[in-house]
């Protein structure tokens, strides 16, 4: 293999790993994202004897 081919393979390999890691982080962040509107839309639960 020539030097150019080796360098290009290293660059494309690094880009593929970086893309896969970014995709995984975004997937986890999207799954665990809690918006304030979603948290406030749940009714407050109190004791049954509170009324």
PDB file of N, CA and C in Angstrom:
ATOM      1  N   UNK A   1       0.842  -1.182   0.000  1.00  0.00           N
ATOM      2  CA  UNK A   1       0.000   0.000   0.000  1.00  0.00           C
ATOM      3  C   UNK A   1       0.884   1.242   0.000  1.00  0.00           C
ATOM      4  N   UNK A   2       0.399   2.218  -0.674  1.00  0.00           N
ATOM      5  CA  UNK A   2       1.161   3.461  -0.728  1.00  0.00           C
ATOM      6  C   UNK A   2       0.870   4.310   0.510  1.00  0.00           C
ATOM      7  N   UNK A   3       1.674   5.297   0.705  1.00  0.00           N
ATOM      8  CA  UNK A   3       1.510   6.183   1.857  1.00  0.00           C
ATOM      9  C   UNK A   3       0.185   6.946   1.785  1.00  0.00           C
ATOM     10  N   UNK A   4      -0.192   7.365   0.596  1.00  0.00           N
ATOM     11  CA  UNK A   4      -1.446   8.095   0.420  1.00  0.00           C
ATOM     12  C   UNK A   4      -2.640   7.227   0.801  1.00  0.00           C
ATOM     13  N   UNK A   5      -2.638   5.973   0.375  1.00  0.00           N
ATOM     14  CA  UNK A   5      -3.727   5.054   0.705  1.00  0.00           C
ATOM     15  C   UNK A   5      -3.800   4.824   2.203  1.00  0.00           C
ATOM     16  N   UNK A   6      -2.675   4.679   2.846  1.00  0.00           N
ATOM     17  CA  UNK A   6      -2.644   4.457   4.288  1.00  0.00           C
ATOM     18  C   UNK A   6      -3.202   5.665   5.038  1.00  0.00           C
ATOM     19  N   UNK A   7      -2.798   6.848   4.626  1.00  0.00           N
ATOM     20  CA  UNK A   7      -3.283   8.063   5.291  1.00  0.00           C
ATOM     21  C   UNK A   7      -4.786   8.227   5.077  1.00  0.00           C
ATOM     22  N   UNK A   8      -5.253   7.979   3.864  1.00  0.00           N
ATOM     23  CA  UNK A   8      -6.691   8.091   3.599  1.00  0.00           C
ATOM     24  C   UNK A   8      -7.498   7.063   4.395  1.00  0.00           C
ATOM     25  N   UNK A   9      -6.981   5.859   4.511  1.00  0.00           N
ATOM     26  CA  UNK A   9      -7.674   4.836   5.303  1.00  0.00           C
ATOM     27  C   UNK A   9      -7.717   5.220   6.776  1.00  0.00           C
ATOM     28  N   UNK A  10      -6.646   5.800   7.287  1.00  0.00           N
ATOM     29  CA  UNK A  10      -6.642   6.258   8.682  1.00  0.00           C
ATOM     30  C   UNK A  10      -7.663   7.372   8.892  1.00  0.00           C
ATOM     31  N   UNK A  11      -7.726   8.302   7.955  1.00  0.00           N
ATOM     32  CA  UNK A  11      -8.678   9.412   8.080  1.00  0.00           C
ATOM     33  C   UNK A  11     -10.114   8.905   8.016  1.00  0.00           C
ATOM     34  N   UNK A  12     -10.423   8.063   7.056  1.00  0.00           N
ATOM     35  CA  UNK A  12     -11.785   7.545   6.931  1.00  0.00           C
ATOM     36  C   UNK A  12     -12.153   6.638   8.104  1.00  0.00           C
ATOM     37  N   UNK A  13     -11.204   5.898   8.621  1.00  0.00           N
ATOM     38  CA  UNK A  13     -11.464   5.077   9.805  1.00  0.00           C
ATOM     39  C   UNK A  13     -11.770   5.939  11.013  1.00  0.00           C
ATOM     40  N   UNK A  14     -10.988   7.016  11.184  1.00  0.00           N
ATOM     41  CA  UNK A  14     -11.219   7.914  12.305  1.00  0.00           C
ATOM     42  C   UNK A  14     -12.579   8.589  12.178  1.00  0.00           C
ATOM     43  N   UNK A  15     -12.933   9.011  10.974  1.00  0.00           N
ATOM     44  CA  UNK A  15     -14.227   9.657  10.765  1.00  0.00           C
ATOM     45  C   UNK A  15     -15.390   8.701  11.033  1.00  0.00           C
ATOM     46  N   UNK A  16     -15.233   7.450  10.641  1.00  0.00           N
ATOM     47  CA  UNK A  16     -16.315   6.500  10.887  1.00  0.00           C
ATOM     48  C   UNK A  16     -16.487   6.228  12.377  1.00  0.00           C
ATOM     49  N   UNK A  17     -15.384   6.124  13.107  1.00  0.00           N
ATOM     50  CA  UNK A  17     -15.474   5.916  14.555  1.00  0.00           C
ATOM     51  C   UNK A  17     -16.070   7.146  15.230  1.00  0.00           C
ATOM     52  N   UNK A  18     -15.639   8.336  14.823  1.00  0.00           N
ATOM     53  CA  UNK A  18     -16.166   9.567  15.407  1.00  0.00           C
ATOM     54  C   UNK A  18     -17.660   9.713  15.118  1.00  0.00           C
ATOM     55  N   UNK A  19     -18.082   9.363  13.922  1.00  0.00           N
ATOM     56  CA  UNK A  19     -19.501   9.437  13.575  1.00  0.00           C
ATOM     57  C   UNK A  19     -20.324   8.455  14.394  1.00  0.00           C
ATOM     58  N   UNK A  20     -19.819   7.245  14.571  1.00  0.00           N
ATOM     59  CA  UNK A  20     -20.534   6.246  15.363  1.00  0.00           C
ATOM     60  C   UNK A  20     -20.646   6.682  16.824  1.00  0.00           C
ATOM     61  N   UNK A  21     -19.587   7.255  17.368  1.00  0.00           N
ATOM     62  CA  UNK A  21     -19.635   7.721  18.754  1.00  0.00           C
ATOM     63  C   UNK A  21     -20.604   8.893  18.906  1.00  0.00           C
ATOM     64  N   UNK A  22     -20.596   9.819  17.966  1.00  0.00           N
ATOM     65  CA  UNK A  22     -21.521  10.947  18.021  1.00  0.00           C
ATOM     66  C   UNK A  22     -22.960  10.471  17.915  1.00  0.00           C
ATOM     67  N   UNK A  23     -23.218   9.522  17.035  1.00  0.00           N
ATOM     68  CA  UNK A  23     -24.569   8.976  16.889  1.00  0.00           C
ATOM     69  C   UNK A  23     -25.028   8.322  18.190  1.00  0.00           C
ATOM     70  N   UNK A  24     -24.132   7.581  18.842  1.00  0.00           N
ATOM     71  CA  UNK A  24     -24.489   6.943  20.103  1.00  0.00           C
ATOM     72  C   UNK A  24     -24.768   7.949  21.200  1.00  0.00           C
ATOM     73  N   UNK A  25     -23.948   8.988  21.291  1.00  0.00           N
ATOM     74  CA  UNK A  25     -24.159  10.007  22.319  1.00  0.00           C
ATOM     75  C   UNK A  25     -25.469  10.746  22.082  1.00  0.00           C
ATOM     76  N   UNK A  26     -25.749  11.096  20.840  1.00  0.00           N
ATOM     77  CA  UNK A  26     -27.002  11.789  20.538  1.00  0.00           C
ATOM     78  C   UNK A  26     -28.206  10.897  20.797  1.00  0.00           C
ATOM     79  N   UNK A  27     -28.075   9.616  20.529  1.00  0.00           N
ATOM     80  CA  UNK A  27     -29.174   8.680  20.778  1.00  0.00           C
ATOM     81  C   UNK A  27     -29.476   8.575  22.263  1.00  0.00           C
ATOM     82  N   UNK A  28     -28.424   8.486  23.074  1.00  0.00           N
ATOM     83  CA  UNK A  28     -28.614   8.407  24.521  1.00  0.00           C
ATOM     84  C   UNK A  28     -29.160   9.730  25.052  1.00  0.00           C
ATOM     85  N   UNK A  29     -28.628  10.851  24.566  1.00  0.00           N
ATOM     86  CA  UNK A  29     -29.086  12.156  25.039  1.00  0.00           C
ATOM     87  C   UNK A  29     -30.543  12.383  24.673  1.00  0.00           C
ATOM     88  N   UNK A  30     -30.960  11.943  23.503  1.00  0.00           N
ATOM     89  CA  UNK A  30     -32.349  12.109  23.095  1.00  0.00           C
ATOM     90  C   UNK A  30     -33.266  11.244  23.939  1.00  0.00           C
ATOM     91  N   UNK A  31     -32.806  10.046  24.315  1.00  0.00           N
ATOM     92  CA  UNK A  31     -33.631   9.143  25.104  1.00  0.00           C
ATOM     93  C   UNK A  31     -33.808   9.655  26.530  1.00  0.00           C
ATOM     94  N   UNK A  32     -32.780  10.287  27.097  1.00  0.00           N
ATOM     95  CA  UNK A  32     -32.819  10.729  28.487  1.00  0.00           C
ATOM     96  C   UNK A  32     -33.127  12.206  28.641  1.00  0.00           C
ATOM     97  N   UNK A  33     -33.605  12.843  27.587  1.00  0.00           N
ATOM     98  CA  UNK A  33     -33.907  14.267  27.650  1.00  0.00           C
ATOM     99  C   UNK A  33     -35.269  14.464  28.301  1.00  0.00           C
ATOM    100  N   UNK A  34     -35.308  15.314  29.322  1.00  0.00           N
ATOM    101  CA  UNK A  34     -36.570  15.619  29.995  1.00  0.00           C
ATOM    102  C   UNK A  34     -36.821  17.111  29.870  1.00  0.00           C
ATOM    103  N   UNK A  35     -37.857  17.460  29.148  1.00  0.00           N
ATOM    104  CA  UNK A  35     -38.168  18.871  28.964  1.00  0.00           C
ATOM    105  C   UNK A  35     -38.992  19.365  30.153  1.00  0.00           C
ATOM    106  N   UNK A  36     -38.886  20.648  30.509  1.00  0.00           N
ATOM    107  CA  UNK A  36     -39.678  21.183  31.620  1.00  0.00           C
ATOM    108  C   UNK A  36     -41.180  21.100  31.367  1.00  0.00           C
ATOM    109  N   UNK A  37     -41.603  21.229  30.118  1.00  0.00           N
ATOM    110  CA  UNK A  37     -43.033  21.149  29.813  1.00  0.00           C
ATOM    111  C   UNK A  37     -43.569  19.751  30.102  1.00  0.00           C
ATOM    112  N   UNK A  38     -42.779  18.745  29.824  1.00  0.00           N
ATOM    113  CA  UNK A  38     -43.222  17.377  30.078  1.00  0.00           C
ATOM    114  C   UNK A  38     -43.313  17.109  31.575  1.00  0.00           C
ATOM    115  N   UNK A  39     -42.398  17.662  32.353  1.00  0.00           N
ATOM    116  CA  UNK A  39     -42.419  17.433  33.791  1.00  0.00           C
ATOM    117  C   UNK A  39     -43.575  18.180  34.448  1.00  0.00           C
ATOM    118  N   UNK A  40     -43.922  19.367  33.941  1.00  0.00           N
ATOM    119  CA  UNK A  40     -44.997  20.140  34.544  1.00  0.00           C
ATOM    120  C   UNK A  40     -46.374  19.684  34.088  1.00  0.00           C
ATOM    121  N   UNK A  41     -46.467  18.897  33.053  1.00  0.00           N
ATOM    122  CA  UNK A  41     -47.771  18.480  32.559  1.00  0.00           C
ATOM    123  C   UNK A  41     -48.368  17.357  33.398  1.00  0.00           C
ATOM    124  N   UNK A  42     -47.564  16.695  34.237  1.00  0.00           N
ATOM    125  CA  UNK A  42     -48.094  15.633  35.085  1.00  0.00           C
ATOM    126  C   UNK A  42     -48.847  16.258  36.257  1.00  0.00           C
ATOM    127  N   UNK A  43     -50.016  15.742  36.577  1.00  0.00           N
ATOM    128  CA  UNK A  43     -50.754  16.295  37.724  1.00  0.00           C
ATOM    129  C   UNK A  43     -50.038  15.943  39.021  1.00  0.00           C
ATOM    130  N   UNK A  44     -50.118  16.853  39.966  1.00  0.00           N
ATOM    131  CA  UNK A  44     -49.487  16.618  41.263  1.00  0.00           C
ATOM    132  C   UNK A  44     -50.303  15.591  42.018  1.00  0.00           C
ATOM    133  N   UNK A  45     -49.629  14.631  42.568  1.00  0.00           N
ATOM    134  CA  UNK A  45     -50.325  13.587  43.327  1.00  0.00           C
ATOM    135  C   UNK A  45     -50.179  13.864  44.822  1.00  0.00           C
ATOM    136  N   UNK A  46     -51.296  13.877  45.499  1.00  0.00           N
ATOM    137  CA  UNK A  46     -51.280  14.065  46.941  1.00  0.00           C
ATOM    138  C   UNK A  46     -51.928  12.868  47.603  1.00  0.00           C
ATOM    139  N   UNK A  47     -52.096  12.985  48.879  1.00  0.00           N
ATOM    140  CA  UNK A  47     -52.758  11.905  49.622  1.00  0.00           C
ATOM    141  C   UNK A  47     -54.250  11.912  49.324  1.00  0.00           C
ATOM    142  N   UNK A  48     -54.869  10.757  49.419  1.00  0.00           N
ATOM    143  CA  UNK A  48     -56.303  10.659  49.134  1.00  0.00           C
ATOM    144  C   UNK A  48     -57.114  11.405  50.199  1.00  0.00           C
ATOM    145  N   UNK A  49     -56.600  11.516  51.404  1.00  0.00           N
ATOM    146  CA  UNK A  49     -57.320  12.196  52.480  1.00  0.00           C
ATOM    147  C   UNK A  49     -57.100  13.708  52.456  1.00  0.00           C
ATOM    148  N   UNK A  50     -56.383  14.224  51.492  1.00  0.00           N
ATOM    149  CA  UNK A  50     -56.075  15.657  51.463  1.00  0.00           C
ATOM    150  C   UNK A  50     -57.292  16.483  51.091  1.00  0.00           C
ATOM    151  N   UNK A  51     -58.310  15.913  50.472  1.00  0.00           N
ATOM    152  CA  UNK A  51     -59.470  16.699  50.035  1.00  0.00           C
ATOM    153  C   UNK A  51     -60.473  16.766  51.110  1.00  0.00           C
TER     154      UNK A  51
END
